Amino acid sequence: MSTTQQQPLDGQRETTELRPVDFSLGDRDVRRKRPPALSFLLRLETLRRVARVATLLLADFVGIFMAILTALWLKAGLVSGD
């Protein structure tokens, strides 16, 4: 009976002792609140949405005002005969 033994590859050796591994904890605590810059961007996004709605409302009011003004101008012109 022949047995085969695996020879370790280059650079691999069997170690009998465990060496301590140096590690460090992450720089950021996952439980902490959002960073101030992220909170600012979120608030800026909210402000952008509010500005978009306000702009659309202003455009609607200007359009309605111009429609009423045009109707009154046409009515005044037709009634007076000018």
PDB file of N, CA and C in Angstrom:
ATOM      1  N   MET A   1       0.826  -1.181   0.000  1.00  0.00           N
ATOM      2  CA  MET A   1       0.000   0.000   0.000  1.00  0.00           C
ATOM      3  C   MET A   1       0.867   1.239   0.000  1.00  0.00           C
ATOM      4  N   SER A   2       0.549   2.054  -0.909  1.00  0.00           N
ATOM      5  CA  SER A   2       1.314   3.295  -0.954  1.00  0.00           C
ATOM      6  C   SER A   2       0.425   4.447  -0.485  1.00  0.00           C
ATOM      7  N   THR A   3       1.000   5.359   0.198  1.00  0.00           N
ATOM      8  CA  THR A   3       0.260   6.549   0.650  1.00  0.00           C
ATOM      9  C   THR A   3       0.854   7.763  -0.031  1.00  0.00           C
ATOM     10  N   THR A   4       0.001   8.661  -0.322  1.00  0.00           N
ATOM     11  CA  THR A   4       0.454   9.903  -0.952  1.00  0.00           C
ATOM     12  C   THR A   4       0.418  11.021   0.083  1.00  0.00           C
ATOM     13  N   GLN A   5       1.442  11.751   0.127  1.00  0.00           N
ATOM     14  CA  GLN A   5       1.487  12.907   1.009  1.00  0.00           C
ATOM     15  C   GLN A   5       1.540  14.155   0.147  1.00  0.00           C
ATOM     16  N   GLN A   6       0.785  15.134   0.573  1.00  0.00           N
ATOM     17  CA  GLN A   6       0.814  16.393  -0.168  1.00  0.00           C
ATOM     18  C   GLN A   6       1.949  17.243   0.369  1.00  0.00           C
ATOM     19  N   GLN A   7       2.718  17.715  -0.544  1.00  0.00           N
ATOM     20  CA  GLN A   7       3.803  18.606  -0.173  1.00  0.00           C
ATOM     21  C   GLN A   7       3.254  20.034  -0.138  1.00  0.00           C
ATOM     22  N   PRO A   8       3.643  20.833   0.859  1.00  0.00           N
ATOM     23  CA  PRO A   8       3.170  22.226   0.871  1.00  0.00           C
ATOM     24  C   PRO A   8       3.695  22.976  -0.347  1.00  0.00           C
ATOM     25  N   LEU A   9       2.836  23.828  -0.889  1.00  0.00           N
ATOM     26  CA  LEU A   9       3.236  24.649  -2.028  1.00  0.00           C
ATOM     27  C   LEU A   9       4.245  25.689  -1.575  1.00  0.00           C
ATOM     28  N   ASP A  10       4.882  26.311  -2.544  1.00  0.00           N
ATOM     29  CA  ASP A  10       5.871  27.337  -2.212  1.00  0.00           C
ATOM     30  C   ASP A  10       5.213  28.440  -1.391  1.00  0.00           C
ATOM     31  N   GLY A  11       5.811  28.813  -0.311  1.00  0.00           N
ATOM     32  CA  GLY A  11       5.312  29.904   0.508  1.00  0.00           C
ATOM     33  C   GLY A  11       4.290  29.462   1.542  1.00  0.00           C
ATOM     34  N   GLN A  12       3.880  28.213   1.528  1.00  0.00           N
ATOM     35  CA  GLN A  12       2.902  27.731   2.502  1.00  0.00           C
ATOM     36  C   GLN A  12       3.594  26.756   3.447  1.00  0.00           C
ATOM     37  N   ARG A  13       3.399  26.983   4.705  1.00  0.00           N
ATOM     38  CA  ARG A  13       3.946  26.087   5.715  1.00  0.00           C
ATOM     39  C   ARG A  13       2.877  25.832   6.758  1.00  0.00           C
ATOM     40  N   GLU A  14       2.991  24.725   7.380  1.00  0.00           N
ATOM     41  CA  GLU A  14       2.079  24.445   8.479  1.00  0.00           C
ATOM     42  C   GLU A  14       2.574  25.188   9.703  1.00  0.00           C
ATOM     43  N   THR A  15       1.646  25.831  10.394  1.00  0.00           N
ATOM     44  CA  THR A  15       2.026  26.529  11.614  1.00  0.00           C
ATOM     45  C   THR A  15       1.365  25.837  12.788  1.00  0.00           C
ATOM     46  N   THR A  16       2.078  25.749  13.847  1.00  0.00           N
ATOM     47  CA  THR A  16       1.540  25.102  15.037  1.00  0.00           C
ATOM     48  C   THR A  16       1.102  26.117  16.072  1.00  0.00           C
ATOM     49  N   GLU A  17       1.466  27.337  15.892  1.00  0.00           N
ATOM     50  CA  GLU A  17       1.074  28.355  16.857  1.00  0.00           C
ATOM     51  C   GLU A  17       0.250  29.435  16.155  1.00  0.00           C
ATOM     52  N   LEU A  18      -0.665  30.024  16.896  1.00  0.00           N
ATOM     53  CA  LEU A  18      -1.495  31.106  16.366  1.00  0.00           C
ATOM     54  C   LEU A  18      -0.892  32.432  16.792  1.00  0.00           C
ATOM     55  N   ARG A  19      -0.782  33.313  15.855  1.00  0.00           N
ATOM     56  CA  ARG A  19      -0.254  34.638  16.151  1.00  0.00           C
ATOM     57  C   ARG A  19      -1.415  35.615  16.268  1.00  0.00           C
ATOM     58  N   PRO A  20      -1.330  36.564  17.189  1.00  0.00           N
ATOM     59  CA  PRO A  20      -2.414  37.557  17.296  1.00  0.00           C
ATOM     60  C   PRO A  20      -2.445  38.442  16.045  1.00  0.00           C
ATOM     61  N   VAL A  21      -3.642  38.778  15.642  1.00  0.00           N
ATOM     62  CA  VAL A  21      -3.827  39.616  14.460  1.00  0.00           C
ATOM     63  C   VAL A  21      -4.202  41.013  14.920  1.00  0.00           C
ATOM     64  N   ASP A  22      -3.491  41.994  14.413  1.00  0.00           N
ATOM     65  CA  ASP A  22      -3.820  43.379  14.738  1.00  0.00           C
ATOM     66  C   ASP A  22      -4.998  43.823  13.880  1.00  0.00           C
ATOM     67  N   PHE A  23      -5.988  44.410  14.512  1.00  0.00           N
ATOM     68  CA  PHE A  23      -7.117  44.959  13.766  1.00  0.00           C
ATOM     69  C   PHE A  23      -7.579  46.210  14.481  1.00  0.00           C
ATOM     70  N   SER A  24      -8.263  47.024  13.760  1.00  0.00           N
ATOM     71  CA  SER A  24      -8.785  48.245  14.361  1.00  0.00           C
ATOM     72  C   SER A  24     -10.272  48.334  14.055  1.00  0.00           C
ATOM     73  N   LEU A  25     -10.968  48.963  14.948  1.00  0.00           N
ATOM     74  CA  LEU A  25     -12.392  49.173  14.724  1.00  0.00           C
ATOM     75  C   LEU A  25     -12.572  50.232  13.648  1.00  0.00           C
ATOM     76  N   GLY A  26     -13.729  50.238  13.039  1.00  0.00           N
ATOM     77  CA  GLY A  26     -14.004  51.217  11.990  1.00  0.00           C
ATOM     78  C   GLY A  26     -13.987  52.634  12.535  1.00  0.00           C
ATOM     79  N   ASP A  27     -13.780  53.574  11.646  1.00  0.00           N
ATOM     80  CA  ASP A  27     -13.721  54.974  12.049  1.00  0.00           C
ATOM     81  C   ASP A  27     -15.098  55.526  12.397  1.00  0.00           C
ATOM     82  N   ARG A  28     -16.144  54.850  11.934  1.00  0.00           N
ATOM     83  CA  ARG A  28     -17.482  55.398  12.075  1.00  0.00           C
ATOM     84  C   ARG A  28     -18.336  54.468  12.920  1.00  0.00           C
ATOM     85  N   ASP A  29     -19.072  55.049  13.847  1.00  0.00           N
ATOM     86  CA  ASP A  29     -20.016  54.281  14.649  1.00  0.00           C
ATOM     87  C   ASP A  29     -21.319  54.176  13.865  1.00  0.00           C
ATOM     88  N   VAL A  30     -21.779  52.958  13.628  1.00  0.00           N
ATOM     89  CA  VAL A  30     -22.969  52.778  12.796  1.00  0.00           C
ATOM     90  C   VAL A  30     -24.233  53.234  13.511  1.00  0.00           C
ATOM     91  N   ARG A  31     -24.168  53.447  14.796  1.00  0.00           N
ATOM     92  CA  ARG A  31     -25.346  53.875  15.546  1.00  0.00           C
ATOM     93  C   ARG A  31     -25.499  55.384  15.595  1.00  0.00           C
ATOM     94  N   ARG A  32     -24.523  56.094  15.136  1.00  0.00           N
ATOM     95  CA  ARG A  32     -24.588  57.544  15.276  1.00  0.00           C
ATOM     96  C   ARG A  32     -25.564  58.156  14.283  1.00  0.00           C
ATOM     97  N   LYS A  33     -25.889  59.417  14.522  1.00  0.00           N
ATOM     98  CA  LYS A  33     -26.813  60.128  13.652  1.00  0.00           C
ATOM     99  C   LYS A  33     -26.150  60.428  12.319  1.00  0.00           C
ATOM    100  N   ARG A  34     -26.953  60.935  11.385  1.00  0.00           N
ATOM    101  CA  ARG A  34     -26.415  61.282  10.071  1.00  0.00           C
ATOM    102  C   ARG A  34     -25.359  62.370  10.206  1.00  0.00           C
ATOM    103  N   PRO A  35     -24.390  62.360   9.324  1.00  0.00           N
ATOM    104  CA  PRO A  35     -23.414  63.449   9.337  1.00  0.00           C
ATOM    105  C   PRO A  35     -24.101  64.768   8.989  1.00  0.00           C
ATOM    106  N   PRO A  36     -23.599  65.874   9.502  1.00  0.00           N
ATOM    107  CA  PRO A  36     -24.239  67.162   9.238  1.00  0.00           C
ATOM    108  C   PRO A  36     -24.341  67.491   7.748  1.00  0.00           C
ATOM    109  N   ALA A  37     -23.351  67.104   6.963  1.00  0.00           N
ATOM    110  CA  ALA A  37     -23.410  67.408   5.526  1.00  0.00           C
ATOM    111  C   ALA A  37     -24.565  66.669   4.869  1.00  0.00           C
ATOM    112  N   LEU A  38     -24.804  65.420   5.259  1.00  0.00           N
ATOM    113  CA  LEU A  38     -25.911  64.658   4.687  1.00  0.00           C
ATOM    114  C   LEU A  38     -27.242  65.264   5.099  1.00  0.00           C
ATOM    115  N   SER A  39     -27.354  65.680   6.346  1.00  0.00           N
ATOM    116  CA  SER A  39     -28.584  66.332   6.787  1.00  0.00           C
ATOM    117  C   SER A  39     -28.819  67.613   6.003  1.00  0.00           C
ATOM    118  N   PHE A  40     -27.749  68.362   5.730  1.00  0.00           N
ATOM    119  CA  PHE A  40     -27.889  69.596   4.959  1.00  0.00           C
ATOM    120  C   PHE A  40     -28.373  69.302   3.550  1.00  0.00           C
ATOM    121  N   LEU A  41     -27.824  68.268   2.917  1.00  0.00           N
ATOM    122  CA  LEU A  41     -28.260  67.927   1.562  1.00  0.00           C
ATOM    123  C   LEU A  41     -29.714  67.495   1.550  1.00  0.00           C
ATOM    124  N   LEU A  42     -30.124  66.769   2.564  1.00  0.00           N
ATOM    125  CA  LEU A  42     -31.516  66.354   2.623  1.00  0.00           C
ATOM    126  C   LEU A  42     -32.422  67.561   2.806  1.00  0.00           C
ATOM    127  N   ARG A  43     -32.009  68.496   3.630  1.00  0.00           N
ATOM    128  CA  ARG A  43     -32.804  69.711   3.797  1.00  0.00           C
ATOM    129  C   ARG A  43     -32.792  70.536   2.526  1.00  0.00           C
ATOM    130  N   LEU A  44     -31.688  70.563   1.821  1.00  0.00           N
ATOM    131  CA  LEU A  44     -31.605  71.292   0.564  1.00  0.00           C
ATOM    132  C   LEU A  44     -32.529  70.667  -0.470  1.00  0.00           C
ATOM    133  N   GLU A  45     -32.618  69.347  -0.477  1.00  0.00           N
ATOM    134  CA  GLU A  45     -33.532  68.653  -1.393  1.00  0.00           C
ATOM    135  C   GLU A  45     -34.980  69.000  -1.051  1.00  0.00           C
ATOM    136  N   THR A  46     -35.293  69.052   0.215  1.00  0.00           N
ATOM    137  CA  THR A  46     -36.644  69.425   0.627  1.00  0.00           C
ATOM    138  C   THR A  46     -36.943  70.855   0.207  1.00  0.00           C
ATOM    139  N   LEU A  47     -35.991  71.738   0.387  1.00  0.00           N
ATOM    140  CA  LEU A  47     -36.171  73.129  -0.027  1.00  0.00           C
ATOM    141  C   LEU A  47     -36.374  73.223  -1.532  1.00  0.00           C
ATOM    142  N   ARG A  48     -35.668  72.410  -2.290  1.00  0.00           N
ATOM    143  CA  ARG A  48     -35.816  72.409  -3.743  1.00  0.00           C
ATOM    144  C   ARG A  48     -37.217  71.971  -4.147  1.00  0.00           C
ATOM    145  N   ARG A  49     -37.740  70.966  -3.473  1.00  0.00           N
ATOM    146  CA  ARG A  49     -39.103  70.507  -3.775  1.00  0.00           C
ATOM    147  C   ARG A  49     -40.132  71.583  -3.460  1.00  0.00           C
ATOM    148  N   VAL A  50     -39.968  72.244  -2.321  1.00  0.00           N
ATOM    149  CA  VAL A  50     -40.897  73.314  -1.946  1.00  0.00           C
ATOM    150  C   VAL A  50     -40.816  74.453  -2.952  1.00  0.00           C
ATOM    151  N   ALA A  51     -39.612  74.796  -3.387  1.00  0.00           N
ATOM    152  CA  ALA A  51     -39.452  75.865  -4.380  1.00  0.00           C
ATOM    153  C   ALA A  51     -40.102  75.479  -5.706  1.00  0.00           C
ATOM    154  N   ARG A  52     -40.015  74.216  -6.075  1.00  0.00           N
ATOM    155  CA  ARG A  52     -40.636  73.761  -7.325  1.00  0.00           C
ATOM    156  C   ARG A  52     -42.158  73.897  -7.253  1.00  0.00           C
ATOM    157  N   VAL A  53     -42.754  73.500  -6.134  1.00  0.00           N
ATOM    158  CA  VAL A  53     -44.207  73.611  -5.969  1.00  0.00           C
ATOM    159  C   VAL A  53     -44.626  75.077  -5.960  1.00  0.00           C
ATOM    160  N   ALA A  54     -43.867  75.921  -5.261  1.00  0.00           N
ATOM    161  CA  ALA A  54     -44.199  77.348  -5.207  1.00  0.00           C
ATOM    162  C   ALA A  54     -44.110  77.979  -6.592  1.00  0.00           C
ATOM    163  N   THR A  55     -43.123  77.594  -7.382  1.00  0.00           N
ATOM    164  CA  THR A  55     -42.986  78.131  -8.736  1.00  0.00           C
ATOM    165  C   THR A  55     -44.164  77.723  -9.610  1.00  0.00           C
ATOM    166  N   LEU A  56     -44.589  76.476  -9.505  1.00  0.00           N
ATOM    167  CA  LEU A  56     -45.743  76.025 -10.288  1.00  0.00           C
ATOM    168  C   LEU A  56     -47.021  76.740  -9.858  1.00  0.00           C
ATOM    169  N   LEU A  57     -47.202  76.944  -8.559  1.00  0.00           N
ATOM    170  CA  LEU A  57     -48.371  77.686  -8.088  1.00  0.00           C
ATOM    171  C   LEU A  57     -48.354  79.120  -8.595  1.00  0.00           C
ATOM    172  N   LEU A  58     -47.199  79.753  -8.567  1.00  0.00           N
ATOM    173  CA  LEU A  58     -47.081  81.122  -9.063  1.00  0.00           C
ATOM    174  C   LEU A  58     -47.408  81.189 -10.550  1.00  0.00           C
ATOM    175  N   ALA A  59     -46.925  80.230 -11.320  1.00  0.00           N
ATOM    176  CA  ALA A  59     -47.232  80.200 -12.754  1.00  0.00           C
ATOM    177  C   ALA A  59     -48.728  80.015 -12.983  1.00  0.00           C
ATOM    178  N   ASP A  60     -49.376  79.178 -12.175  1.00  0.00           N
ATOM    179  CA  ASP A  60     -50.828  78.997 -12.296  1.00  0.00           C
ATOM    180  C   ASP A  60     -51.573  80.290 -11.983  1.00  0.00           C
ATOM    181  N   PHE A  61     -51.199  80.966 -10.912  1.00  0.00           N
ATOM    182  CA  PHE A  61     -51.885  82.204 -10.541  1.00  0.00           C
ATOM    183  C   PHE A  61     -51.680  83.297 -11.582  1.00  0.00           C
ATOM    184  N   VAL A  62     -50.480  83.394 -12.132  1.00  0.00           N
ATOM    185  CA  VAL A  62     -50.223  84.387 -13.186  1.00  0.00           C
ATOM    186  C   VAL A  62     -51.064  84.061 -14.416  1.00  0.00           C
ATOM    187  N   GLY A  63     -51.165  82.794 -14.774  1.00  0.00           N
ATOM    188  CA  GLY A  63     -51.979  82.393 -15.923  1.00  0.00           C
ATOM    189  C   GLY A  63     -53.446  82.710 -15.722  1.00  0.00           C
ATOM    190  N   ILE A  64     -53.967  82.427 -14.532  1.00  0.00           N
ATOM    191  CA  ILE A  64     -55.375  82.736 -14.243  1.00  0.00           C
ATOM    192  C   ILE A  64     -55.602  84.239 -14.253  1.00  0.00           C
ATOM    193  N   PHE A  65     -54.691  85.004 -13.661  1.00  0.00           N
ATOM    194  CA  PHE A  65     -54.815  86.464 -13.646  1.00  0.00           C
ATOM    195  C   PHE A  65     -54.816  87.022 -15.068  1.00  0.00           C
ATOM    196  N   MET A  66     -53.906  86.529 -15.899  1.00  0.00           N
ATOM    197  CA  MET A  66     -53.850  87.016 -17.284  1.00  0.00           C
ATOM    198  C   MET A  66     -55.108  86.623 -18.061  1.00  0.00           C
ATOM    199  N   ALA A  67     -55.669  85.446 -17.801  1.00  0.00           N
ATOM    200  CA  ALA A  67     -56.899  85.030 -18.485  1.00  0.00           C
ATOM    201  C   ALA A  67     -58.062  85.921 -18.088  1.00  0.00           C
ATOM    202  N   ILE A  68     -58.189  86.222 -16.805  1.00  0.00           N
ATOM    203  CA  ILE A  68     -59.270  87.108 -16.348  1.00  0.00           C
ATOM    204  C   ILE A  68     -59.070  88.506 -16.905  1.00  0.00           C
ATOM    205  N   LEU A  69     -57.845  89.003 -16.884  1.00  0.00           N
ATOM    206  CA  LEU A  69     -57.557  90.342 -17.406  1.00  0.00           C
ATOM    207  C   LEU A  69     -57.871  90.418 -18.901  1.00  0.00           C
ATOM    208  N   THR A  70     -57.519  89.404 -19.650  1.00  0.00           N
ATOM    209  CA  THR A  70     -57.803  89.381 -21.089  1.00  0.00           C
ATOM    210  C   THR A  70     -59.305  89.331 -21.342  1.00  0.00           C
ATOM    211  N   ALA A  71     -60.031  88.533 -20.561  1.00  0.00           N
ATOM    212  CA  ALA A  71     -61.486  88.451 -20.724  1.00  0.00           C
ATOM    213  C   ALA A  71     -62.136  89.795 -20.425  1.00  0.00           C
ATOM    214  N   LEU A  72     -61.697  90.454 -19.362  1.00  0.00           N
ATOM    215  CA  LEU A  72     -62.265  91.769 -19.039  1.00  0.00           C
ATOM    216  C   LEU A  72     -61.908  92.803 -20.103  1.00  0.00           C
ATOM    217  N   TRP A  73     -60.708  92.742 -20.633  1.00  0.00           N
ATOM    218  CA  TRP A  73     -60.285  93.674 -21.677  1.00  0.00           C
ATOM    219  C   TRP A  73     -61.120  93.478 -22.948  1.00  0.00           C
ATOM    220  N   LEU A  74     -61.338  92.209 -23.327  1.00  0.00           N
ATOM    221  CA  LEU A  74     -62.169  91.926 -24.502  1.00  0.00           C
ATOM    222  C   LEU A  74     -63.614  92.352 -24.273  1.00  0.00           C
ATOM    223  N   LYS A  75     -64.143  92.113 -23.086  1.00  0.00           N
ATOM    224  CA  LYS A  75     -65.521  92.504 -22.773  1.00  0.00           C
ATOM    225  C   LYS A  75     -65.671  94.017 -22.834  1.00  0.00           C
ATOM    226  N   ALA A  76     -64.710  94.729 -22.267  1.00  0.00           N
ATOM    227  CA  ALA A  76     -64.775  96.194 -22.288  1.00  0.00           C
ATOM    228  C   ALA A  76     -64.683  96.700 -23.719  1.00  0.00           C
ATOM    229  N   GLY A  77     -63.865  96.068 -24.529  1.00  0.00           N
ATOM    230  CA  GLY A  77     -63.736  96.493 -25.925  1.00  0.00           C
ATOM    231  C   GLY A  77     -64.981  96.199 -26.731  1.00  0.00           C
ATOM    232  N   LEU A  78     -65.622  95.081 -26.496  1.00  0.00           N
ATOM    233  CA  LEU A  78     -66.828  94.723 -27.238  1.00  0.00           C
ATOM    234  C   LEU A  78     -68.036  95.548 -26.804  1.00  0.00           C
ATOM    235  N   VAL A  79     -68.150  95.844 -25.510  1.00  0.00           N
ATOM    236  CA  VAL A  79     -69.293  96.609 -25.002  1.00  0.00           C
ATOM    237  C   VAL A  79     -69.203  98.056 -25.450  1.00  0.00           C
ATOM    238  N   SER A  80     -68.026  98.647 -25.416  1.00  0.00           N
ATOM    239  CA  SER A  80     -67.892 100.060 -25.779  1.00  0.00           C
ATOM    240  C   SER A  80     -67.849 100.251 -27.289  1.00  0.00           C
ATOM    241  N   GLY A  81     -67.580  99.207 -28.020  1.00  0.00           N
ATOM    242  CA  GLY A  81     -67.568  99.317 -29.476  1.00  0.00           C
ATOM    243  C   GLY A  81     -66.252  99.782 -30.052  1.00  0.00           C
ATOM    244  N   ASP A  82     -65.185  99.799 -29.284  1.00  0.00           N
ATOM    245  CA  ASP A  82     -63.871 100.228 -29.802  1.00  0.00           C
ATOM    246  C   ASP A  82     -63.185  99.143 -30.537  1.00  0.00           C
TER     247      ASP A  82
END
